[in-house]
Structures are given as C-alpha cells and as structure tokens.
Amino acid sequence: QLQLAESGGGSVQPGGSLRLSCRGSGSILDYYAIGWFHQVPGKEPEGVACISSADESTRYADSVKGRFTVSRDKEQDVVYLQMDNLQPEDSGTYFCTAPRDLFTLCWLWGRRYDYWGPGTPVIVSA
C-alpha cells in the first residue's frame, strides 16, 4: 500500500517562498496523480494544486494560480509544490494525496483521493 510523507514546511515571512516535497513508499509515486491540499483548523482540506500521472497535466486553485507550481521529478520519484509570494492566508497544514487508481488525471476534490500523508505545517507571518 502506498504511504505518503510530506516535508519542507516551516515559517516564512509574507512574500517568502517554501518548497514542499511529497515522497512515497510501498509503490512508485510516478504511477499516481498527486494532489496538494491545504487545511486550516476547523475547516475541510481544500485542494490547491495537483499533477496527473496520465499526461502530467496540472490544475491549480484560483487562490494560488501564478504563485504555486506543482512538479514531478521522475528520477527521484518525488513531487514538489513550489510556493512563492506566500501570504498569511496560506498558513495551515499541507497534505499530499494520491488516488487508489494508477495513471489518472488529477482533481482538486478531496474525495477523489484515497491516500493522505500526515501533513506538514506552513506558517506565514511577519
């Protein structure tokens, strides 16, 4: 069974950047679409970006378009979320997710994903 683990979270000032990494074990991450979700306390996770494993297409939430970039390193078998021009509202916990099926398109809807990492915290504050 695929297990996911995020890394790269931390504290940054507004306007700063972070790069999150998602790594898998138990299977080849390259076979799976990967979704990145953002959650704040008391709310459901919201999809911010995803990358397909069928055609490497990507999707972004309107709130992060032009600031976040999702990419895949096939050699290292890792998926990145580059987050630039971070704002306080980007603070929260970020999860990487994968569906059970292989070689699919991706979605920004949480119910389409079966595997979730434990999350990594991001704090954007002056």
Foldseek 3Di string as FASTA:
>chain_A
DKAKAKDWADEDAQQAKIKMKIAIPPDQLLFWKKWKWFDDPPDDTWTAKIAFSQPRDMDGDPVQPPFWDWDADRVVSMIMIIGGRDDQVRWGWMKMFTAPDTGGGDDRDVVRTDYIYPTDTHGYHD
